[in-house]
Amino acid sequence: RRAGIHCIHGQLMLGVNALSAPLF
């Protein structure tokens, strides 16, 4: 909530990173 964005590094798939943002 503070950042307005979220990232993961290799959590869902090894070697794959992701950035996500909400749409309101």
mmCIF file of all heavy atoms, coordinates in Angstrom:
data_MODEL
# 
_entry.id   MODEL 
# 
loop_
_atom_site.group_PDB 
_atom_site.id 
_atom_site.type_symbol 
_atom_site.label_atom_id 
_atom_site.label_alt_id 
_atom_site.label_comp_id 
_atom_site.label_asym_id 
_atom_site.label_entity_id 
_atom_site.label_seq_id 
_atom_site.pdbx_PDB_ins_code 
_atom_site.Cartn_x 
_atom_site.Cartn_y 
_atom_site.Cartn_z 
_atom_site.occupancy 
_atom_site.B_iso_or_equiv 
_atom_site.pdbx_formal_charge 
_atom_site.auth_seq_id 
_atom_site.auth_comp_id 
_atom_site.auth_asym_id 
_atom_site.auth_atom_id 
_atom_site.pdbx_PDB_model_num 
ATOM 1   N N   . ARG A 1 1  ? 0.832  -1.209  0.000   1.00 0.00 ? 1  ARG A N   1 
ATOM 2   C CA  . ARG A 1 1  ? 0.000  0.000   0.000   1.00 0.00 ? 1  ARG A CA  1 
ATOM 3   C C   . ARG A 1 1  ? 0.866  1.259   0.000   1.00 0.00 ? 1  ARG A C   1 
ATOM 4   O O   . ARG A 1 1  ? 0.548  2.235   -0.676  1.00 0.00 ? 1  ARG A O   1 
ATOM 5   C CB  . ARG A 1 1  ? -0.930 -0.002  1.208   1.00 0.00 ? 1  ARG A CB  1 
ATOM 6   C CG  . ARG A 1 1  ? -2.040 -1.039  1.137   1.00 0.00 ? 1  ARG A CG  1 
ATOM 7   C CD  . ARG A 1 1  ? -2.935 -0.957  2.364   1.00 0.00 ? 1  ARG A CD  1 
ATOM 8   N NE  . ARG A 1 1  ? -3.912 -2.029  2.372   1.00 0.00 ? 1  ARG A NE  1 
ATOM 9   C CZ  . ARG A 1 1  ? -5.068 -2.006  1.725   1.00 0.00 ? 1  ARG A CZ  1 
ATOM 10  N NH1 . ARG A 1 1  ? -5.391 -0.932  1.004   1.00 0.00 ? 1  ARG A NH1 1 
ATOM 11  N NH2 . ARG A 1 1  ? -5.903 -3.024  1.780   1.00 0.00 ? 1  ARG A NH2 1 
ATOM 12  N N   . ARG A 1 2  ? 1.972  1.214   0.736   1.00 0.00 ? 2  ARG A N   1 
ATOM 13  C CA  . ARG A 1 2  ? 2.852  2.385   0.797   1.00 0.00 ? 2  ARG A CA  1 
ATOM 14  C C   . ARG A 1 2  ? 3.573  2.596   -0.534  1.00 0.00 ? 2  ARG A C   1 
ATOM 15  O O   . ARG A 1 2  ? 3.748  3.725   -0.983  1.00 0.00 ? 2  ARG A O   1 
ATOM 16  C CB  . ARG A 1 2  ? 3.877  2.240   1.923   1.00 0.00 ? 2  ARG A CB  1 
ATOM 17  C CG  . ARG A 1 2  ? 3.303  2.372   3.325   1.00 0.00 ? 2  ARG A CG  1 
ATOM 18  C CD  . ARG A 1 2  ? 4.404  2.664   4.338   1.00 0.00 ? 2  ARG A CD  1 
ATOM 19  N NE  . ARG A 1 2  ? 5.419  1.614   4.348   1.00 0.00 ? 2  ARG A NE  1 
ATOM 20  C CZ  . ARG A 1 2  ? 5.404  0.565   5.156   1.00 0.00 ? 2  ARG A CZ  1 
ATOM 21  N NH1 . ARG A 1 2  ? 4.413  0.413   6.031   1.00 0.00 ? 2  ARG A NH1 1 
ATOM 22  N NH2 . ARG A 1 2  ? 6.363  -0.341  5.118   1.00 0.00 ? 2  ARG A NH2 1 
ATOM 23  N N   . ALA A 1 3  ? 3.987  1.489   -1.163  1.00 0.00 ? 3  ALA A N   1 
ATOM 24  C CA  . ALA A 1 3  ? 4.775  1.584   -2.395  1.00 0.00 ? 3  ALA A CA  1 
ATOM 25  C C   . ALA A 1 3  ? 3.903  1.723   -3.638  1.00 0.00 ? 3  ALA A C   1 
ATOM 26  O O   . ALA A 1 3  ? 4.322  2.290   -4.646  1.00 0.00 ? 3  ALA A O   1 
ATOM 27  C CB  . ALA A 1 3  ? 5.682  0.363   -2.541  1.00 0.00 ? 3  ALA A CB  1 
ATOM 28  N N   . GLY A 1 4  ? 2.693  1.172   -3.596  1.00 0.00 ? 4  GLY A N   1 
ATOM 29  C CA  . GLY A 1 4  ? 1.832  1.189   -4.771  1.00 0.00 ? 4  GLY A CA  1 
ATOM 30  C C   . GLY A 1 4  ? 2.301  0.253   -5.857  1.00 0.00 ? 4  GLY A C   1 
ATOM 31  O O   . GLY A 1 4  ? 1.851  0.352   -7.009  1.00 0.00 ? 4  GLY A O   1 
ATOM 32  N N   . ILE A 1 5  ? 3.179  -0.675  -5.507  1.00 0.00 ? 5  ILE A N   1 
ATOM 33  C CA  . ILE A 1 5  ? 3.744  -1.614  -6.485  1.00 0.00 ? 5  ILE A CA  1 
ATOM 34  C C   . ILE A 1 5  ? 4.312  -2.795  -5.707  1.00 0.00 ? 5  ILE A C   1 
ATOM 35  O O   . ILE A 1 5  ? 4.597  -2.688  -4.510  1.00 0.00 ? 5  ILE A O   1 
ATOM 36  C CB  . ILE A 1 5  ? 4.844  -0.924  -7.329  1.00 0.00 ? 5  ILE A CB  1 
ATOM 37  C CG1 . ILE A 1 5  ? 5.090  -1.671  -8.635  1.00 0.00 ? 5  ILE A CG1 1 
ATOM 38  C CG2 . ILE A 1 5  ? 6.128  -0.741  -6.538  1.00 0.00 ? 5  ILE A CG2 1 
ATOM 39  C CD1 . ILE A 1 5  ? 5.926  -0.873  -9.629  1.00 0.00 ? 5  ILE A CD1 1 
ATOM 40  N N   . HIS A 1 6  ? 4.455  -3.930  -6.384  1.00 0.00 ? 6  HIS A N   1 
ATOM 41  C CA  . HIS A 1 6  ? 5.029  -5.098  -5.704  1.00 0.00 ? 6  HIS A CA  1 
ATOM 42  C C   . HIS A 1 6  ? 5.915  -5.851  -6.681  1.00 0.00 ? 6  HIS A C   1 
ATOM 43  O O   . HIS A 1 6  ? 5.615  -5.936  -7.877  1.00 0.00 ? 6  HIS A O   1 
ATOM 44  C CB  . HIS A 1 6  ? 3.923  -6.023  -5.195  1.00 0.00 ? 6  HIS A CB  1 
ATOM 45  C CG  . HIS A 1 6  ? 4.433  -7.160  -4.365  1.00 0.00 ? 6  HIS A CG  1 
ATOM 46  N ND1 . HIS A 1 6  ? 5.303  -6.980  -3.303  1.00 0.00 ? 6  HIS A ND1 1 
ATOM 47  C CD2 . HIS A 1 6  ? 4.192  -8.502  -4.426  1.00 0.00 ? 6  HIS A CD2 1 
ATOM 48  C CE1 . HIS A 1 6  ? 5.568  -8.157  -2.747  1.00 0.00 ? 6  HIS A CE1 1 
ATOM 49  N NE2 . HIS A 1 6  ? 4.914  -9.096  -3.421  1.00 0.00 ? 6  HIS A NE2 1 
ATOM 50  N N   . CYS A 1 7  ? 7.017  -6.382  -6.184  1.00 0.00 ? 7  CYS A N   1 
ATOM 51  C CA  . CYS A 1 7  ? 7.950  -7.142  -7.028  1.00 0.00 ? 7  CYS A CA  1 
ATOM 52  C C   . CYS A 1 7  ? 8.275  -8.479  -6.396  1.00 0.00 ? 7  CYS A C   1 
ATOM 53  O O   . CYS A 1 7  ? 8.229  -8.635  -5.166  1.00 0.00 ? 7  CYS A O   1 
ATOM 54  C CB  . CYS A 1 7  ? 9.234  -6.343  -7.266  1.00 0.00 ? 7  CYS A CB  1 
ATOM 55  S SG  . CYS A 1 7  ? 10.205 -6.026  -5.790  1.00 0.00 ? 7  CYS A SG  1 
ATOM 56  N N   . ILE A 1 8  ? 8.569  -9.451  -7.229  1.00 0.00 ? 8  ILE A N   1 
ATOM 57  C CA  . ILE A 1 8  ? 9.091  -10.735 -6.773  1.00 0.00 ? 8  ILE A CA  1 
ATOM 58  C C   . ILE A 1 8  ? 10.263 -11.111 -7.665  1.00 0.00 ? 8  ILE A C   1 
ATOM 59  O O   . ILE A 1 8  ? 10.350 -10.686 -8.816  1.00 0.00 ? 8  ILE A O   1 
ATOM 60  C CB  . ILE A 1 8  ? 8.034  -11.863 -6.783  1.00 0.00 ? 8  ILE A CB  1 
ATOM 61  C CG1 . ILE A 1 8  ? 7.538  -12.131 -8.205  1.00 0.00 ? 8  ILE A CG1 1 
ATOM 62  C CG2 . ILE A 1 8  ? 6.889  -11.551 -5.850  1.00 0.00 ? 8  ILE A CG2 1 
ATOM 63  C CD1 . ILE A 1 8  ? 6.707  -13.398 -8.306  1.00 0.00 ? 8  ILE A CD1 1 
ATOM 64  N N   . HIS A 1 9  ? 11.165 -11.917 -7.104  1.00 0.00 ? 9  HIS A N   1 
ATOM 65  C CA  . HIS A 1 9  ? 12.361 -12.332 -7.843  1.00 0.00 ? 9  HIS A CA  1 
ATOM 66  C C   . HIS A 1 9  ? 12.481 -13.852 -7.766  1.00 0.00 ? 9  HIS A C   1 
ATOM 67  O O   . HIS A 1 9  ? 12.851 -14.402 -6.726  1.00 0.00 ? 9  HIS A O   1 
ATOM 68  C CB  . HIS A 1 9  ? 13.609 -11.661 -7.263  1.00 0.00 ? 9  HIS A CB  1 
ATOM 69  C CG  . HIS A 1 9  ? 13.555 -10.163 -7.328  1.00 0.00 ? 9  HIS A CG  1 
ATOM 70  N ND1 . HIS A 1 9  ? 13.058 -9.396  -6.299  1.00 0.00 ? 9  HIS A ND1 1 
ATOM 71  C CD2 . HIS A 1 9  ? 13.910 -9.309  -8.312  1.00 0.00 ? 9  HIS A CD2 1 
ATOM 72  C CE1 . HIS A 1 9  ? 13.125 -8.112  -6.635  1.00 0.00 ? 9  HIS A CE1 1 
ATOM 73  N NE2 . HIS A 1 9  ? 13.625 -8.039  -7.848  1.00 0.00 ? 9  HIS A NE2 1 
ATOM 74  N N   . GLY A 1 10 ? 12.108 -14.513 -8.857  1.00 0.00 ? 10 GLY A N   1 
ATOM 75  C CA  . GLY A 1 10 ? 12.246 -15.961 -8.937  1.00 0.00 ? 10 GLY A CA  1 
ATOM 76  C C   . GLY A 1 10 ? 11.337 -16.739 -8.018  1.00 0.00 ? 10 GLY A C   1 
ATOM 77  O O   . GLY A 1 10 ? 11.558 -17.931 -7.809  1.00 0.00 ? 10 GLY A O   1 
ATOM 78  N N   . GLN A 1 11 ? 10.312 -16.108 -7.469  1.00 0.00 ? 11 GLN A N   1 
ATOM 79  C CA  . GLN A 1 11 ? 9.450  -16.786 -6.504  1.00 0.00 ? 11 GLN A CA  1 
ATOM 80  C C   . GLN A 1 11 ? 8.465  -17.728 -7.178  1.00 0.00 ? 11 GLN A C   1 
ATOM 81  O O   . GLN A 1 11 ? 8.301  -18.874 -6.759  1.00 0.00 ? 11 GLN A O   1 
ATOM 82  C CB  . GLN A 1 11 ? 8.692  -15.764 -5.668  1.00 0.00 ? 11 GLN A CB  1 
ATOM 83  C CG  . GLN A 1 11 ? 7.793  -16.380 -4.589  1.00 0.00 ? 11 GLN A CG  1 
ATOM 84  C CD  . GLN A 1 11 ? 7.086  -15.326 -3.762  1.00 0.00 ? 11 GLN A CD  1 
ATOM 85  O OE1 . GLN A 1 11 ? 7.394  -14.139 -3.833  1.00 0.00 ? 11 GLN A OE1 1 
ATOM 86  N NE2 . GLN A 1 11 ? 6.122  -15.761 -2.970  1.00 0.00 ? 11 GLN A NE2 1 
ATOM 87  N N   . LEU A 1 12 ? 7.811  -17.263 -8.215  1.00 0.00 ? 12 LEU A N   1 
ATOM 88  C CA  . LEU A 1 12 ? 6.834  -18.100 -8.904  1.00 0.00 ? 12 LEU A CA  1 
ATOM 89  C C   . LEU A 1 12 ? 7.507  -19.041 -9.894  1.00 0.00 ? 12 LEU A C   1 
ATOM 90  O O   . LEU A 1 12 ? 7.113  -20.192 -10.053 1.00 0.00 ? 12 LEU A O   1 
ATOM 91  C CB  . LEU A 1 12 ? 5.806  -17.222 -9.629  1.00 0.00 ? 12 LEU A CB  1 
ATOM 92  C CG  . LEU A 1 12 ? 4.670  -17.942 -10.348 1.00 0.00 ? 12 LEU A CG  1 
ATOM 93  C CD1 . LEU A 1 12 ? 3.860  -18.766 -9.355  1.00 0.00 ? 12 LEU A CD1 1 
ATOM 94  C CD2 . LEU A 1 12 ? 3.770  -16.938 -11.049 1.00 0.00 ? 12 LEU A CD2 1 
ATOM 95  N N   . MET A 1 13 ? 8.562  -18.548 -10.556 1.00 0.00 ? 13 MET A N   1 
ATOM 96  C CA  . MET A 1 13 ? 9.310  -19.351 -11.524 1.00 0.00 ? 13 MET A CA  1 
ATOM 97  C C   . MET A 1 13 ? 10.783 -18.967 -11.444 1.00 0.00 ? 13 MET A C   1 
ATOM 98  O O   . MET A 1 13 ? 11.123 -17.784 -11.488 1.00 0.00 ? 13 MET A O   1 
ATOM 99  C CB  . MET A 1 13 ? 8.760  -19.104 -12.939 1.00 0.00 ? 13 MET A CB  1 
ATOM 100 C CG  . MET A 1 13 ? 9.336  -20.026 -14.003 1.00 0.00 ? 13 MET A CG  1 
ATOM 101 S SD  . MET A 1 13 ? 8.653  -19.626 -15.649 1.00 0.00 ? 13 MET A SD  1 
ATOM 102 C CE  . MET A 1 13 ? 6.906  -19.904 -15.361 1.00 0.00 ? 13 MET A CE  1 
ATOM 103 N N   . LEU A 1 14 ? 11.645 -19.951 -11.308 1.00 0.00 ? 14 LEU A N   1 
ATOM 104 C CA  . LEU A 1 14 ? 13.073 -19.703 -11.149 1.00 0.00 ? 14 LEU A CA  1 
ATOM 105 C C   . LEU A 1 14 ? 13.616 -18.889 -12.322 1.00 0.00 ? 14 LEU A C   1 
ATOM 106 O O   . LEU A 1 14 ? 13.380 -19.217 -13.481 1.00 0.00 ? 14 LEU A O   1 
ATOM 107 C CB  . LEU A 1 14 ? 13.824 -21.034 -11.054 1.00 0.00 ? 14 LEU A CB  1 
ATOM 108 C CG  . LEU A 1 14 ? 15.324 -20.942 -10.711 1.00 0.00 ? 14 LEU A CG  1 
ATOM 109 C CD1 . LEU A 1 14 ? 15.518 -20.352 -9.314  1.00 0.00 ? 14 LEU A CD1 1 
ATOM 110 C CD2 . LEU A 1 14 ? 15.975 -22.322 -10.793 1.00 0.00 ? 14 LEU A CD2 1 
ATOM 111 N N   . GLY A 1 15 ? 14.318 -17.805 -11.984 1.00 0.00 ? 15 GLY A N   1 
ATOM 112 C CA  . GLY A 1 15 ? 14.928 -16.975 -13.012 1.00 0.00 ? 15 GLY A CA  1 
ATOM 113 C C   . GLY A 1 15 ? 14.000 -15.972 -13.651 1.00 0.00 ? 15 GLY A C   1 
ATOM 114 O O   . GLY A 1 15 ? 14.398 -15.276 -14.587 1.00 0.00 ? 15 GLY A O   1 
ATOM 115 N N   . VAL A 1 16 ? 12.777 -15.876 -13.149 1.00 0.00 ? 16 VAL A N   1 
ATOM 116 C CA  . VAL A 1 16 ? 11.793 -14.939 -13.698 1.00 0.00 ? 16 VAL A CA  1 
ATOM 117 C C   . VAL A 1 16 ? 11.383 -13.934 -12.623 1.00 0.00 ? 16 VAL A C   1 
ATOM 118 O O   . VAL A 1 16 ? 10.985 -14.322 -11.528 1.00 0.00 ? 16 VAL A O   1 
ATOM 119 C CB  . VAL A 1 16 ? 10.545 -15.673 -14.231 1.00 0.00 ? 16 VAL A CB  1 
ATOM 120 C CG1 . VAL A 1 16 ? 9.497  -14.673 -14.711 1.00 0.00 ? 16 VAL A CG1 1 
ATOM 121 C CG2 . VAL A 1 16 ? 10.930 -16.617 -15.355 1.00 0.00 ? 16 VAL A CG2 1 
ATOM 122 N N   . ASN A 1 17 ? 11.491 -12.660 -12.941 1.00 0.00 ? 17 ASN A N   1 
ATOM 123 C CA  . ASN A 1 17 ? 11.121 -11.591 -12.018 1.00 0.00 ? 17 ASN A CA  1 
ATOM 124 C C   . ASN A 1 17 ? 9.841  -10.916 -12.489 1.00 0.00 ? 17 ASN A C   1 
ATOM 125 O O   . ASN A 1 17 ? 9.501  -10.956 -13.677 1.00 0.00 ? 17 ASN A O   1 
ATOM 126 C CB  . ASN A 1 17 ? 12.243 -10.560 -11.914 1.00 0.00 ? 17 ASN A CB  1 
ATOM 127 C CG  . ASN A 1 17 ? 13.531 -11.166 -11.394 1.00 0.00 ? 17 ASN A CG  1 
ATOM 128 O OD1 . ASN A 1 17 ? 13.505 -12.167 -10.663 1.00 0.00 ? 17 ASN A OD1 1 
ATOM 129 N ND2 . ASN A 1 17 ? 14.660 -10.582 -11.760 1.00 0.00 ? 17 ASN A ND2 1 
ATOM 130 N N   . ALA A 1 18 ? 9.145  -10.266 -11.556 1.00 0.00 ? 18 ALA A N   1 
ATOM 131 C CA  . ALA A 1 18 ? 7.874  -9.633  -11.913 1.00 0.00 ? 18 ALA A CA  1 
ATOM 132 C C   . ALA A 1 18 ? 7.642  -8.364  -11.112 1.00 0.00 ? 18 ALA A C   1 
ATOM 133 O O   . ALA A 1 18 ? 8.061  -8.259  -9.954  1.00 0.00 ? 18 ALA A O   1 
ATOM 134 C CB  . ALA A 1 18 ? 6.716  -10.604 -11.677 1.00 0.00 ? 18 ALA A CB  1 
ATOM 135 N N   . LEU A 1 19 ? 6.987  -7.415  -11.755 1.00 0.00 ? 19 LEU A N   1 
ATOM 136 C CA  . LEU A 1 19 ? 6.539  -6.171  -11.124 1.00 0.00 ? 19 LEU A CA  1 
ATOM 137 C C   . LEU A 1 19 ? 5.045  -6.041  -11.384 1.00 0.00 ? 19 LEU A C   1 
ATOM 138 O O   . LEU A 1 19 ? 4.598  -6.235  -12.516 1.00 0.00 ? 19 LEU A O   1 
ATOM 139 C CB  . LEU A 1 19 ? 7.247  -4.959  -11.735 1.00 0.00 ? 19 LEU A CB  1 
ATOM 140 C CG  . LEU A 1 19 ? 8.651  -4.591  -11.270 1.00 0.00 ? 19 LEU A CG  1 
ATOM 141 C CD1 . LEU A 1 19 ? 9.228  -3.540  -12.205 1.00 0.00 ? 19 LEU A CD1 1 
ATOM 142 C CD2 . LEU A 1 19 ? 8.624  -4.060  -9.838  1.00 0.00 ? 19 LEU A CD2 1 
ATOM 143 N N   . SER A 1 20 ? 4.269  -5.702  -10.356 1.00 0.00 ? 20 SER A N   1 
ATOM 144 C CA  . SER A 1 20 ? 2.825  -5.555  -10.515 1.00 0.00 ? 20 SER A CA  1 
ATOM 145 C C   . SER A 1 20 ? 2.342  -4.251  -9.903  1.00 0.00 ? 20 SER A C   1 
ATOM 146 O O   . SER A 1 20 ? 2.863  -3.803  -8.877  1.00 0.00 ? 20 SER A O   1 
ATOM 147 C CB  . SER A 1 20 ? 2.079  -6.721  -9.856  1.00 0.00 ? 20 SER A CB  1 
ATOM 148 O OG  . SER A 1 20 ? 2.362  -7.934  -10.508 1.00 0.00 ? 20 SER A OG  1 
ATOM 149 N N   . ALA A 1 21 ? 1.326  -3.656  -10.525 1.00 0.00 ? 21 ALA A N   1 
ATOM 150 C CA  . ALA A 1 21 ? 0.719  -2.418  -10.028 1.00 0.00 ? 21 ALA A CA  1 
ATOM 151 C C   . ALA A 1 21 ? -0.800 -2.556  -10.100 1.00 0.00 ? 21 ALA A C   1 
ATOM 152 O O   . ALA A 1 21 ? -1.334 -3.183  -11.021 1.00 0.00 ? 21 ALA A O   1 
ATOM 153 C CB  . ALA A 1 21 ? 1.180  -1.211  -10.835 1.00 0.00 ? 21 ALA A CB  1 
ATOM 154 N N   . PRO A 1 22 ? -1.528 -1.966  -9.147  1.00 0.00 ? 22 PRO A N   1 
ATOM 155 C CA  . PRO A 1 22 ? -2.994 -2.073  -9.138  1.00 0.00 ? 22 PRO A CA  1 
ATOM 156 C C   . PRO A 1 22 ? -3.660 -1.084  -10.077 1.00 0.00 ? 22 PRO A C   1 
ATOM 157 O O   . PRO A 1 22 ? -3.134 -0.002  -10.347 1.00 0.00 ? 22 PRO A O   1 
ATOM 158 C CB  . PRO A 1 22 ? -3.342 -1.744  -7.678  1.00 0.00 ? 22 PRO A CB  1 
ATOM 159 C CG  . PRO A 1 22 ? -2.267 -0.776  -7.264  1.00 0.00 ? 22 PRO A CG  1 
ATOM 160 C CD  . PRO A 1 22 ? -1.009 -1.234  -7.979  1.00 0.00 ? 22 PRO A CD  1 
ATOM 161 N N   . LEU A 1 23 ? -4.840 -1.467  -10.565 1.00 0.00 ? 23 LEU A N   1 
ATOM 162 C CA  . LEU A 1 23 ? -5.690 -0.591  -11.366 1.00 0.00 ? 23 LEU A CA  1 
ATOM 163 C C   . LEU A 1 23 ? -6.983 -0.372  -10.581 1.00 0.00 ? 23 LEU A C   1 
ATOM 164 O O   . LEU A 1 23 ? -7.614 -1.344  -10.161 1.00 0.00 ? 23 LEU A O   1 
ATOM 165 C CB  . LEU A 1 23 ? -6.008 -1.226  -12.714 1.00 0.00 ? 23 LEU A CB  1 
ATOM 166 C CG  . LEU A 1 23 ? -4.814 -1.666  -13.569 1.00 0.00 ? 23 LEU A CG  1 
ATOM 167 C CD1 . LEU A 1 23 ? -5.314 -2.352  -14.839 1.00 0.00 ? 23 LEU A CD1 1 
ATOM 168 C CD2 . LEU A 1 23 ? -3.926 -0.484  -13.897 1.00 0.00 ? 23 LEU A CD2 1 
ATOM 169 N N   . PHE A 1 24 ? -7.340 0.887   -10.383 1.00 0.00 ? 24 PHE A N   1 
ATOM 170 C CA  . PHE A 1 24 ? -8.512 1.204   -9.575  1.00 0.00 ? 24 PHE A CA  1 
ATOM 171 C C   . PHE A 1 24 ? -9.639 1.784   -10.412 1.00 0.00 ? 24 PHE A C   1 
ATOM 172 O O   . PHE A 1 24 ? -9.398 2.548   -11.353 1.00 0.00 ? 24 PHE A O   1 
ATOM 173 C CB  . PHE A 1 24 ? -8.150 2.192   -8.467  1.00 0.00 ? 24 PHE A CB  1 
ATOM 174 C CG  . PHE A 1 24 ? -7.169 1.649   -7.461  1.00 0.00 ? 24 PHE A CG  1 
ATOM 175 C CD1 . PHE A 1 24 ? -5.870 2.124   -7.412  1.00 0.00 ? 24 PHE A CD1 1 
ATOM 176 C CD2 . PHE A 1 24 ? -7.549 0.656   -6.582  1.00 0.00 ? 24 PHE A CD2 1 
ATOM 177 C CE1 . PHE A 1 24 ? -4.965 1.623   -6.495  1.00 0.00 ? 24 PHE A CE1 1 
ATOM 178 C CE2 . PHE A 1 24 ? -6.657 0.143   -5.654  1.00 0.00 ? 24 PHE A CE2 1 
ATOM 179 C CZ  . PHE A 1 24 ? -5.351 0.629   -5.606  1.00 0.00 ? 24 PHE A CZ  1 
# 
